[in-house]
N, C-alpha and C. Protein backbone atom coordinates (compact mmCIF):
# COMPACT_ATOMS: atom_id res chain seq x y z
N MET A 1 59.55 66.95 -66.34
CA MET A 1 60.46 67.66 -65.47
C MET A 1 60.93 68.91 -66.19
N ASP A 2 61.12 69.94 -65.48
CA ASP A 2 61.50 71.25 -65.99
C ASP A 2 62.80 71.18 -66.80
N ASP A 3 62.82 71.88 -67.94
CA ASP A 3 64.03 71.94 -68.79
C ASP A 3 65.24 72.45 -68.02
N ARG A 4 65.02 73.38 -67.09
CA ARG A 4 66.15 73.94 -66.33
C ARG A 4 66.87 72.87 -65.53
N ILE A 5 66.11 71.92 -65.02
CA ILE A 5 66.74 70.84 -64.24
C ILE A 5 67.65 70.03 -65.13
N TRP A 6 67.15 69.63 -66.32
CA TRP A 6 67.98 68.83 -67.21
C TRP A 6 69.16 69.63 -67.75
N ASP A 7 68.98 70.93 -67.97
CA ASP A 7 70.10 71.78 -68.38
C ASP A 7 71.17 71.80 -67.29
N SER A 8 70.74 71.90 -66.05
CA SER A 8 71.68 71.88 -64.92
C SER A 8 72.39 70.54 -64.82
N VAL A 9 71.64 69.46 -65.00
CA VAL A 9 72.24 68.12 -64.96
C VAL A 9 73.30 67.99 -66.06
N ASP A 10 72.98 68.45 -67.26
CA ASP A 10 73.95 68.40 -68.36
C ASP A 10 75.20 69.21 -68.04
N ARG A 11 75.04 70.39 -67.45
CA ARG A 11 76.21 71.19 -67.07
C ARG A 11 77.04 70.49 -66.00
N LEU A 12 76.37 69.89 -65.02
CA LEU A 12 77.10 69.16 -63.97
C LEU A 12 77.88 67.99 -64.55
N VAL A 13 77.25 67.23 -65.45
CA VAL A 13 77.93 66.07 -66.05
C VAL A 13 79.11 66.54 -66.88
N THR A 14 78.94 67.60 -67.64
CA THR A 14 80.05 68.13 -68.45
C THR A 14 81.21 68.55 -67.55
N TRP A 15 80.89 69.27 -66.49
CA TRP A 15 81.92 69.71 -65.55
C TRP A 15 82.62 68.51 -64.89
N LEU A 16 81.85 67.54 -64.42
CA LEU A 16 82.44 66.36 -63.79
C LEU A 16 83.31 65.59 -64.78
N ASP A 17 82.85 65.47 -66.02
CA ASP A 17 83.64 64.78 -67.05
C ASP A 17 84.97 65.49 -67.28
N GLN A 18 84.95 66.81 -67.31
CA GLN A 18 86.17 67.59 -67.54
C GLN A 18 87.16 67.45 -66.39
N GLU A 19 86.63 67.31 -65.19
CA GLU A 19 87.49 67.24 -64.00
C GLU A 19 87.97 65.84 -63.69
N SER A 20 87.37 64.84 -64.29
CA SER A 20 87.68 63.45 -63.97
C SER A 20 88.89 62.97 -64.76
N GLY A 21 89.72 62.21 -64.10
CA GLY A 21 90.83 61.56 -64.77
C GLY A 21 90.58 60.08 -64.98
N LEU A 22 89.36 59.65 -64.75
CA LEU A 22 89.02 58.24 -64.81
C LEU A 22 88.53 57.86 -66.20
N SER A 23 88.55 56.57 -66.47
CA SER A 23 87.96 56.07 -67.71
C SER A 23 86.44 56.20 -67.60
N GLY A 24 85.77 56.16 -68.75
CA GLY A 24 84.31 56.27 -68.76
C GLY A 24 83.63 55.23 -67.91
N GLY A 25 84.11 53.99 -67.97
CA GLY A 25 83.49 52.92 -67.19
C GLY A 25 83.65 53.13 -65.70
N ASP A 26 84.85 53.53 -65.28
CA ASP A 26 85.09 53.79 -63.86
C ASP A 26 84.26 54.98 -63.38
N GLU A 27 84.21 56.01 -64.21
CA GLU A 27 83.44 57.20 -63.84
C GLU A 27 81.97 56.85 -63.68
N ARG A 28 81.46 56.05 -64.58
CA ARG A 28 80.05 55.63 -64.53
C ARG A 28 79.77 54.89 -63.21
N LEU A 29 80.63 53.95 -62.87
CA LEU A 29 80.42 53.19 -61.63
C LEU A 29 80.48 54.08 -60.40
N LEU A 30 81.43 54.99 -60.38
CA LEU A 30 81.57 55.85 -59.21
C LEU A 30 80.40 56.82 -59.06
N ARG A 31 79.85 57.26 -60.17
CA ARG A 31 78.69 58.15 -60.07
C ARG A 31 77.46 57.40 -59.57
N ILE A 32 77.37 56.13 -59.88
CA ILE A 32 76.28 55.32 -59.33
C ILE A 32 76.52 55.07 -57.85
N LEU A 33 77.76 54.77 -57.48
CA LEU A 33 78.08 54.55 -56.07
C LEU A 33 77.90 55.80 -55.22
N LYS A 34 78.03 56.97 -55.83
CA LYS A 34 77.82 58.23 -55.12
C LYS A 34 76.44 58.27 -54.47
N LEU A 35 75.48 57.59 -55.09
CA LEU A 35 74.13 57.53 -54.50
C LEU A 35 74.16 56.91 -53.11
N SER A 36 74.94 55.86 -52.93
CA SER A 36 75.03 55.22 -51.61
C SER A 36 75.56 56.19 -50.57
N GLU A 37 76.56 56.95 -50.95
CA GLU A 37 77.10 57.95 -50.04
C GLU A 37 76.03 58.96 -49.64
N GLU A 38 75.29 59.45 -50.63
CA GLU A 38 74.28 60.46 -50.36
C GLU A 38 73.13 59.90 -49.53
N VAL A 39 72.71 58.67 -49.80
CA VAL A 39 71.65 58.05 -49.00
C VAL A 39 72.13 57.89 -47.55
N GLY A 40 73.39 57.54 -47.37
CA GLY A 40 73.94 57.45 -46.02
C GLY A 40 73.87 58.79 -45.29
N GLU A 41 74.10 59.87 -46.03
CA GLU A 41 74.02 61.20 -45.43
C GLU A 41 72.58 61.54 -45.04
N VAL A 42 71.61 61.06 -45.81
CA VAL A 42 70.20 61.24 -45.42
C VAL A 42 69.96 60.52 -44.09
N GLY A 43 70.43 59.29 -44.01
CA GLY A 43 70.26 58.53 -42.78
C GLY A 43 70.91 59.21 -41.59
N ALA A 44 72.11 59.72 -41.77
CA ALA A 44 72.80 60.42 -40.68
C ALA A 44 72.03 61.67 -40.27
N ALA A 45 71.46 62.38 -41.26
CA ALA A 45 70.70 63.59 -40.94
C ALA A 45 69.41 63.25 -40.18
N VAL A 46 68.74 62.15 -40.56
CA VAL A 46 67.52 61.75 -39.85
C VAL A 46 67.87 61.36 -38.41
N ILE A 47 68.92 60.58 -38.25
CA ILE A 47 69.35 60.21 -36.89
C ILE A 47 69.70 61.46 -36.09
N GLY A 48 70.38 62.40 -36.75
CA GLY A 48 70.73 63.65 -36.07
C GLY A 48 69.53 64.52 -35.76
N ALA A 49 68.55 64.54 -36.65
CA ALA A 49 67.35 65.37 -36.42
C ALA A 49 66.47 64.81 -35.32
N THR A 50 66.51 63.50 -35.15
CA THR A 50 65.69 62.87 -34.11
C THR A 50 66.45 62.63 -32.82
N GLY A 51 67.75 62.92 -32.82
CA GLY A 51 68.57 62.76 -31.62
C GLY A 51 68.74 61.31 -31.19
N GLN A 52 68.73 60.39 -32.15
CA GLN A 52 68.78 58.97 -31.83
C GLN A 52 70.15 58.47 -31.40
N ASN A 53 71.17 59.27 -31.55
CA ASN A 53 72.49 58.90 -31.04
C ASN A 53 72.66 59.62 -29.71
N PRO A 54 72.52 58.89 -28.58
CA PRO A 54 72.55 59.55 -27.28
C PRO A 54 73.89 60.24 -26.99
N ARG A 55 74.93 59.77 -27.61
CA ARG A 55 76.24 60.38 -27.40
C ARG A 55 76.31 61.77 -28.04
N LYS A 56 75.59 61.95 -29.15
CA LYS A 56 75.65 63.22 -29.88
C LYS A 56 74.43 64.11 -29.67
N GLY A 57 73.27 63.49 -29.43
CA GLY A 57 72.05 64.27 -29.28
C GLY A 57 71.55 64.78 -30.64
N VAL A 58 70.83 65.87 -30.63
CA VAL A 58 70.29 66.45 -31.86
C VAL A 58 71.41 67.23 -32.55
N THR A 59 71.76 66.79 -33.75
CA THR A 59 72.87 67.41 -34.49
C THR A 59 72.44 67.97 -35.83
N HIS A 60 71.22 67.66 -36.26
CA HIS A 60 70.73 68.09 -37.57
C HIS A 60 69.30 68.60 -37.42
N SER A 61 68.86 69.31 -38.45
CA SER A 61 67.47 69.77 -38.51
C SER A 61 66.76 69.00 -39.63
N TRP A 62 65.43 69.14 -39.68
CA TRP A 62 64.69 68.52 -40.78
C TRP A 62 65.01 69.22 -42.09
N GLU A 63 65.43 70.46 -42.01
CA GLU A 63 65.89 71.16 -43.22
C GLU A 63 67.16 70.48 -43.76
N ASP A 64 68.03 70.03 -42.86
CA ASP A 64 69.22 69.28 -43.30
C ASP A 64 68.80 68.01 -44.03
N VAL A 65 67.77 67.34 -43.52
CA VAL A 65 67.27 66.12 -44.18
C VAL A 65 66.77 66.47 -45.58
N GLU A 66 66.02 67.56 -45.70
CA GLU A 66 65.54 67.99 -47.02
C GLU A 66 66.72 68.21 -47.98
N HIS A 67 67.75 68.89 -47.51
CA HIS A 67 68.91 69.16 -48.37
C HIS A 67 69.59 67.87 -48.80
N GLU A 68 69.72 66.94 -47.87
CA GLU A 68 70.37 65.67 -48.20
C GLU A 68 69.52 64.87 -49.20
N LEU A 69 68.20 64.92 -49.06
CA LEU A 69 67.33 64.25 -50.04
C LEU A 69 67.51 64.86 -51.43
N CYS A 70 67.63 66.17 -51.49
CA CYS A 70 67.89 66.82 -52.78
C CYS A 70 69.21 66.34 -53.37
N ASP A 71 70.23 66.17 -52.53
CA ASP A 71 71.52 65.66 -53.02
C ASP A 71 71.38 64.27 -53.61
N VAL A 72 70.50 63.44 -53.02
CA VAL A 72 70.24 62.10 -53.57
C VAL A 72 69.64 62.23 -54.97
N VAL A 73 68.66 63.12 -55.10
CA VAL A 73 68.02 63.32 -56.40
C VAL A 73 69.03 63.81 -57.43
N PHE A 74 69.84 64.81 -57.07
CA PHE A 74 70.85 65.32 -58.00
C PHE A 74 71.80 64.22 -58.42
N SER A 75 72.26 63.45 -57.45
CA SER A 75 73.22 62.38 -57.75
C SER A 75 72.61 61.33 -58.67
N ALA A 76 71.34 61.01 -58.45
CA ALA A 76 70.66 60.02 -59.29
C ALA A 76 70.52 60.53 -60.72
N LEU A 77 70.15 61.80 -60.87
CA LEU A 77 70.00 62.35 -62.21
C LEU A 77 71.34 62.44 -62.94
N VAL A 78 72.39 62.80 -62.22
CA VAL A 78 73.73 62.83 -62.82
C VAL A 78 74.16 61.42 -63.22
N ALA A 79 73.91 60.44 -62.36
CA ALA A 79 74.27 59.06 -62.70
C ALA A 79 73.49 58.58 -63.92
N LEU A 80 72.20 58.87 -63.96
CA LEU A 80 71.38 58.48 -65.11
C LEU A 80 71.88 59.14 -66.38
N ARG A 81 72.18 60.43 -66.31
CA ARG A 81 72.67 61.16 -67.49
C ARG A 81 74.03 60.64 -67.92
N THR A 82 74.84 60.18 -66.97
CA THR A 82 76.14 59.60 -67.29
C THR A 82 75.96 58.29 -68.05
N LEU A 83 74.92 57.53 -67.70
CA LEU A 83 74.65 56.26 -68.36
C LEU A 83 74.10 56.43 -69.77
N THR A 84 73.31 57.48 -69.98
CA THR A 84 72.67 57.64 -71.28
C THR A 84 72.45 59.11 -71.63
N PRO A 85 72.71 59.48 -72.86
CA PRO A 85 72.39 60.86 -73.27
C PRO A 85 70.88 61.08 -73.33
N ASP A 86 70.10 60.01 -73.31
CA ASP A 86 68.65 60.09 -73.35
C ASP A 86 68.02 60.03 -71.96
N ALA A 87 68.73 60.54 -70.97
CA ALA A 87 68.29 60.45 -69.58
C ALA A 87 66.89 61.02 -69.38
N ARG A 88 66.62 62.14 -70.01
CA ARG A 88 65.30 62.76 -69.84
C ARG A 88 64.20 61.82 -70.32
N GLU A 89 64.37 61.23 -71.50
CA GLU A 89 63.36 60.33 -72.05
C GLU A 89 63.21 59.08 -71.19
N VAL A 90 64.35 58.54 -70.74
CA VAL A 90 64.31 57.35 -69.87
C VAL A 90 63.54 57.68 -68.60
N PHE A 91 63.83 58.81 -68.01
CA PHE A 91 63.16 59.22 -66.77
C PHE A 91 61.66 59.41 -67.00
N GLU A 92 61.31 60.10 -68.08
CA GLU A 92 59.89 60.37 -68.34
C GLU A 92 59.11 59.08 -68.62
N ARG A 93 59.73 58.14 -69.34
CA ARG A 93 59.07 56.85 -69.58
C ARG A 93 58.86 56.10 -68.27
N ARG A 94 59.87 56.11 -67.44
CA ARG A 94 59.76 55.39 -66.17
C ARG A 94 58.73 56.05 -65.25
N LEU A 95 58.71 57.36 -65.23
CA LEU A 95 57.72 58.07 -64.43
C LEU A 95 56.31 57.74 -64.91
N ALA A 96 56.10 57.71 -66.21
CA ALA A 96 54.78 57.35 -66.77
C ALA A 96 54.40 55.93 -66.37
N TYR A 97 55.36 55.02 -66.41
CA TYR A 97 55.12 53.63 -66.02
C TYR A 97 54.68 53.56 -64.55
N VAL A 98 55.40 54.26 -63.68
CA VAL A 98 55.08 54.25 -62.25
C VAL A 98 53.72 54.88 -62.00
N GLU A 99 53.42 55.96 -62.70
CA GLU A 99 52.11 56.60 -62.55
C GLU A 99 51.00 55.66 -63.00
N ASP A 100 51.19 54.99 -64.14
CA ASP A 100 50.18 54.05 -64.62
C ASP A 100 49.96 52.91 -63.63
N ARG A 101 51.04 52.37 -63.13
CA ARG A 101 50.96 51.28 -62.16
C ARG A 101 50.25 51.72 -60.89
N SER A 102 50.57 52.92 -60.45
CA SER A 102 49.93 53.47 -59.26
C SER A 102 48.45 53.69 -59.50
N ARG A 103 48.11 54.22 -60.64
CA ARG A 103 46.69 54.47 -60.99
C ARG A 103 45.93 53.15 -61.01
N ALA A 104 46.50 52.15 -61.63
CA ALA A 104 45.84 50.84 -61.71
C ALA A 104 45.62 50.25 -60.32
N SER A 105 46.61 50.43 -59.45
CA SER A 105 46.48 49.92 -58.09
C SER A 105 45.38 50.64 -57.33
N ARG A 106 45.29 51.94 -57.50
CA ARG A 106 44.25 52.72 -56.81
C ARG A 106 42.87 52.34 -57.32
N GLU A 107 42.76 52.07 -58.62
CA GLU A 107 41.46 51.72 -59.22
C GLU A 107 40.98 50.35 -58.75
N LYS A 108 41.90 49.47 -58.42
CA LYS A 108 41.52 48.14 -57.89
C LYS A 108 40.86 48.26 -56.53
N ASN A 109 41.33 49.22 -55.77
CA ASN A 109 40.86 49.36 -54.37
C ASN A 109 39.68 50.20 -54.35
């Protein structure tokens, strides 16, 4: 992953830490829970983009869905970085694991 992304994540975590009045443990939990909020916003945007709520109709665009998905990614990276200063290495190891598993599955078929 691009260094600029991790630099941005570090700046966001530093800023959030400075603004928070919570203990480290509480802050950690809330940053993980933030993911649920963001995933809910993805769901609301999909429902809005497809007009599945007849009372509201079409309220969102697919671009809104894209933006909400990015918010999920940002929130996940911030939560991971909050859990460990080695977030980049943890992420890269996990990505390699998923890629290997995916490759093995494709080779079986």
